[in-house]
Amino acid sequence: MLMSCRRLVTILLVVLLSPVCWAGKKNFVMPEPKAANTYPAHDAHTDEGVTVALDPYDMADKAATVFSTHYSDVGFMPIFLIVTNDGDRPISLNGMKAELITADRTKILAATDDDLYRRLSHPSRGPARSTPIPIPQKPKGSVNPKTLDEIQNALFVARAVEPHSSQAGFLFFDVSDMSAPLAGAHFYLTGLHDVNGNELMYFEVALEKYLSAPASSPSK
C-alpha cells in the first residue's frame, strides 16, 4: 500500500512539473520583418518593384534571441530572408531557388526540413554537398518536438508576395567546417515570377554588405 502511494505521488509530480519545464523553454517567434531595402544586405530591382534582403543569424548570441536549438552545433547557419513587393501586382514565389556561393565558389543550396532533421538526428555525420539519395521516411524520431515545431515555424514557406507587403522566413545553409562562410560570399535567388508568368531577373546579394555594416546604426 505504501509503495502504491509513493508511486502515485511520483506520477502526480511528473504530471504537474512537466508544464513548468516546458514553460521555461522559449517558444519560437518569427522576427518582425522590416522593408527589405532597410537591411544592409539587399538587392533592389526598382523597375520590377521587388527587393530581396538577408539578415544572417551568424553569431551564437544573435541566434539565441530567436532559436532554442543550436543549429550551428550541427553545421547550419540560419539566414532571415525578406522579400518586399512594392509593386501593384502579386509576385509568385513558386519555383523559388535560393543558393549561397562562398568565396571559394562552393555552391550551397538552402536546406530542406529533411536535411535539418537528418543532421539533428545524426549530428556526427559530415556535410553532404551533392544531392543526397532520397530517404523514404523523415528521421523525426530522435528530434525533440520543440525543435520540430521550431523548424516548421521558422522556414520560409511563402508562395507569393502581395502588393505593397513583405514575406519573410528563415533559410538554413550547411556551412560545416567553414570558419568564415559569409566573407566574400554571394546569395542568389531565382524563380520569382510576375502575374503573367514572366520570370524576374535573378537577385544577387553580397554578404559583405552585412559584414561591413555598423552594428549599432539603422539599416539603409
Protein backbone atom coordinates (compact mmCIF):
# COMPACT_ATOMS: atom_id res chain seq x y z
CA MET A 1 0.00 0.00 0.00
CA LEU A 2 2.85 2.34 0.92
CA MET A 3 4.62 1.62 -2.37
CA SER A 4 1.43 2.32 -4.31
CA CYS A 5 1.03 5.70 -2.59
CA ARG A 6 4.65 6.64 -3.33
CA ARG A 7 4.22 5.64 -6.96
CA LEU A 8 1.06 7.71 -7.22
CA VAL A 9 2.81 10.72 -5.70
CA THR A 10 5.70 10.34 -8.17
CA ILE A 11 3.33 10.22 -11.16
CA LEU A 12 1.46 13.27 -9.93
CA LEU A 13 4.70 15.21 -9.52
CA VAL A 14 5.80 14.33 -13.06
CA VAL A 15 2.45 15.41 -14.49
CA LEU A 16 2.39 18.65 -12.51
CA LEU A 17 6.01 19.61 -13.16
CA SER A 18 6.06 18.80 -16.92
CA PRO A 19 4.17 22.00 -17.95
CA VAL A 20 6.53 24.02 -15.77
CA CYS A 21 9.57 22.56 -17.53
CA TRP A 22 8.08 23.26 -20.97
CA ALA A 23 7.08 26.77 -19.92
CA GLY A 24 10.70 27.51 -19.10
CA LYS A 25 11.72 26.83 -22.70
CA LYS A 26 11.42 29.66 -25.19
CA ASN A 27 8.82 29.31 -27.92
CA PHE A 28 9.86 30.34 -31.41
CA VAL A 29 8.64 33.76 -32.51
CA MET A 30 9.37 34.92 -36.05
CA PRO A 31 11.23 38.25 -36.12
CA GLU A 32 9.06 41.08 -37.39
CA PRO A 33 10.36 41.85 -40.90
CA LYS A 34 11.09 45.40 -41.98
CA ALA A 35 11.04 46.57 -45.59
CA ALA A 36 13.80 44.71 -47.43
CA ASN A 37 15.58 47.89 -48.53
CA THR A 38 16.24 48.83 -44.88
CA TYR A 39 18.64 45.89 -44.39
CA PRO A 40 22.32 46.39 -45.28
CA ALA A 41 22.48 43.23 -47.41
CA HIS A 42 19.84 43.67 -50.09
CA ASP A 43 19.30 43.82 -53.84
CA ALA A 44 16.59 46.15 -55.14
CA HIS A 45 15.03 45.79 -58.60
CA THR A 46 13.39 49.19 -58.83
CA ASP A 47 11.96 48.55 -62.30
CA GLU A 48 10.22 45.40 -61.06
CA GLY A 49 9.35 46.87 -57.68
CA VAL A 50 10.85 43.94 -55.74
CA THR A 51 13.65 43.92 -53.16
CA VAL A 52 15.32 40.91 -51.54
CA ALA A 53 17.26 41.18 -48.29
CA LEU A 54 19.21 38.88 -45.98
CA ASP A 55 19.85 39.08 -42.26
CA PRO A 56 22.21 36.24 -41.22
CA TYR A 57 21.97 34.86 -37.69
CA ASP A 58 25.65 34.00 -37.78
CA MET A 59 26.56 34.70 -34.17
CA ALA A 60 25.52 32.49 -31.25
CA ASP A 61 24.18 35.37 -29.17
CA LYS A 62 22.10 36.69 -32.07
CA ALA A 63 20.70 33.23 -32.87
CA ALA A 64 19.81 32.70 -29.21
CA THR A 65 17.44 35.68 -29.34
CA VAL A 66 15.20 33.68 -31.67
CA PHE A 67 16.10 29.99 -31.55
CA SER A 68 16.21 27.47 -28.72
CA THR A 69 18.07 24.92 -30.87
CA HIS A 70 21.79 25.46 -31.52
CA TYR A 71 21.87 24.87 -35.27
CA SER A 72 25.49 25.98 -35.52
CA ASP A 73 26.44 22.92 -33.45
CA VAL A 74 25.36 20.73 -36.38
CA GLY A 75 26.82 22.97 -39.08
CA PHE A 76 23.82 25.06 -40.16
CA MET A 77 23.56 28.84 -40.33
CA PRO A 78 20.06 30.40 -40.23
CA ILE A 79 19.61 33.36 -42.58
CA PHE A 80 16.49 35.53 -42.42
CA LEU A 81 15.16 36.16 -45.94
CA ILE A 82 12.88 39.11 -46.63
CA VAL A 83 11.10 39.68 -49.96
CA THR A 84 9.32 43.02 -50.34
CA ASN A 85 6.92 43.75 -53.19
CA ASP A 86 6.46 47.50 -53.72
CA GLY A 87 4.51 46.94 -56.93
CA ASP A 88 0.78 46.86 -57.52
CA ARG A 89 0.51 43.20 -58.53
CA PRO A 90 1.40 39.96 -56.69
CA ILE A 91 4.72 38.20 -57.15
CA SER A 92 4.81 34.39 -57.28
CA LEU A 93 7.48 32.55 -55.30
CA ASN A 94 6.61 29.11 -56.64
CA GLY A 95 9.77 27.62 -58.08
CA MET A 96 11.97 29.90 -55.97
CA LYS A 97 15.56 28.66 -55.64
CA ALA A 98 17.98 30.01 -53.02
CA GLU A 99 21.72 29.41 -53.30
CA LEU A 100 24.74 30.62 -51.34
CA ILE A 101 28.06 30.75 -53.18
CA THR A 102 31.10 31.13 -50.96
CA ALA A 103 34.31 32.97 -51.77
CA ASP A 104 35.92 29.72 -52.96
CA ARG A 105 32.92 29.12 -55.30
CA THR A 106 31.34 26.38 -53.18
CA LYS A 107 27.63 26.27 -54.05
CA ILE A 108 25.26 25.57 -51.17
CA LEU A 109 21.52 25.15 -51.68
CA ALA A 110 19.14 26.09 -48.90
CA ALA A 111 18.50 23.07 -46.70
CA THR A 112 15.13 21.32 -46.66
CA ASP A 113 13.40 20.30 -43.45
CA ASP A 114 14.54 16.74 -44.21
CA ASP A 115 18.16 17.93 -44.28
CA LEU A 116 17.74 19.55 -40.88
CA TYR A 117 16.01 16.52 -39.34
CA ARG A 118 18.69 14.20 -40.72
CA ARG A 119 21.58 16.23 -39.33
CA LEU A 120 19.92 16.82 -35.97
CA SER A 121 19.24 13.07 -35.73
CA HIS A 122 22.84 12.21 -36.66
CA PRO A 123 24.94 15.24 -35.63
CA SER A 124 28.26 13.43 -36.11
CA ARG A 125 27.73 12.97 -39.83
CA GLY A 126 29.62 15.28 -42.14
CA PRO A 127 28.12 17.66 -44.68
CA ALA A 128 26.70 16.42 -47.95
CA ARG A 129 27.41 18.86 -50.75
CA SER A 130 25.98 16.66 -53.51
CA THR A 131 22.32 15.71 -53.88
CA PRO A 132 21.58 13.03 -51.26
CA ILE A 133 19.91 9.70 -52.07
CA PRO A 134 16.21 10.05 -51.17
CA ILE A 135 15.24 8.54 -47.83
CA PRO A 136 11.67 7.19 -47.61
CA GLN A 137 10.91 8.48 -44.12
CA LYS A 138 11.88 11.61 -42.27
CA PRO A 139 14.15 10.79 -39.32
CA LYS A 140 11.99 12.74 -36.88
CA GLY A 141 12.01 10.18 -34.11
CA SER A 142 15.16 11.41 -32.38
CA VAL A 143 14.43 15.13 -32.88
CA ASN A 144 12.54 16.60 -29.95
CA PRO A 145 9.06 18.04 -30.56
CA LYS A 146 10.19 21.53 -29.57
CA THR A 147 12.78 21.56 -32.36
CA LEU A 148 10.37 20.07 -34.90
CA ASP A 149 7.88 22.81 -34.15
CA GLU A 150 10.59 25.47 -34.30
CA ILE A 151 11.80 24.33 -37.73
CA GLN A 152 8.29 24.20 -39.18
CA ASN A 153 7.51 27.70 -37.95
CA ALA A 154 10.88 29.21 -38.92
CA LEU A 155 11.30 28.03 -42.52
CA PHE A 156 10.48 30.41 -45.37
CA VAL A 157 7.33 28.88 -46.88
CA ALA A 158 5.60 31.80 -48.62
CA ARG A 159 4.36 31.12 -52.14
CA ALA A 160 3.53 34.70 -53.10
CA VAL A 161 4.09 38.29 -52.02
CA GLU A 162 1.05 40.52 -52.22
CA PRO A 163 1.37 44.15 -53.46
CA HIS A 164 2.95 46.59 -51.01
CA SER A 165 3.85 43.91 -48.49
CA SER A 166 6.69 41.64 -47.41
CA GLN A 167 7.15 37.93 -46.80
CA ALA A 168 9.91 36.59 -44.58
CA GLY A 169 11.27 33.42 -43.04
CA PHE A 170 14.49 31.54 -42.42
CA LEU A 171 16.70 29.61 -44.80
CA PHE A 172 19.32 27.25 -43.37
CA PHE A 173 22.66 26.69 -45.10
CA ASP A 174 25.13 23.89 -44.40
CA VAL A 175 28.38 25.69 -43.61
CA SER A 176 30.10 22.81 -41.79
CA ASP A 177 33.85 23.23 -41.35
CA MET A 178 33.79 26.77 -42.76
CA SER A 179 35.44 29.33 -40.49
CA ALA A 180 34.08 32.43 -42.25
CA PRO A 181 31.37 31.33 -44.71
CA LEU A 182 29.94 34.81 -45.27
CA ALA A 183 33.21 36.55 -46.14
CA GLY A 184 33.21 37.14 -49.89
CA ALA A 185 30.02 35.09 -50.30
CA HIS A 186 27.09 35.94 -52.59
CA PHE A 187 23.46 34.87 -52.30
CA TYR A 188 21.37 34.20 -55.39
CA LEU A 189 17.58 33.99 -55.56
CA THR A 190 15.89 32.86 -58.77
CA GLY A 191 12.48 31.57 -59.83
CA LEU A 192 10.32 34.59 -58.92
CA HIS A 193 7.55 35.38 -61.42
CA ASP A 194 5.09 38.17 -62.09
CA VAL A 195 1.35 37.58 -62.58
CA ASN A 196 1.90 36.97 -66.30
CA GLY A 197 4.32 34.15 -65.60
CA ASN A 198 7.41 36.12 -66.62
CA GLU A 199 10.46 35.33 -64.53
CA LEU A 200 12.07 38.25 -62.74
CA MET A 201 15.76 38.95 -63.12
CA TYR A 202 17.79 36.97 -60.58
CA PHE A 203 18.63 38.65 -57.28
CA GLU A 204 22.23 38.79 -56.07
CA VAL A 205 23.14 39.88 -52.55
CA ALA A 206 26.76 40.35 -51.46
CA LEU A 207 27.10 39.22 -47.84
CA GLU A 208 29.99 41.66 -47.34
CA LYS A 209 27.28 44.34 -47.10
CA TYR A 210 26.10 42.65 -43.92
CA LEU A 211 29.57 42.06 -42.50
CA SER A 212 30.71 45.63 -43.07
CA ALA A 213 27.54 47.35 -41.81
CA PRO A 214 27.83 49.22 -38.49
CA ALA A 215 26.06 47.07 -35.92
CA SER A 216 24.56 49.97 -34.00
CA SER A 217 23.39 52.14 -36.88
CA PRO A 218 20.00 51.88 -38.63
CA SER A 219 19.89 49.75 -41.76
CA LYS A 220 19.79 51.69 -45.02
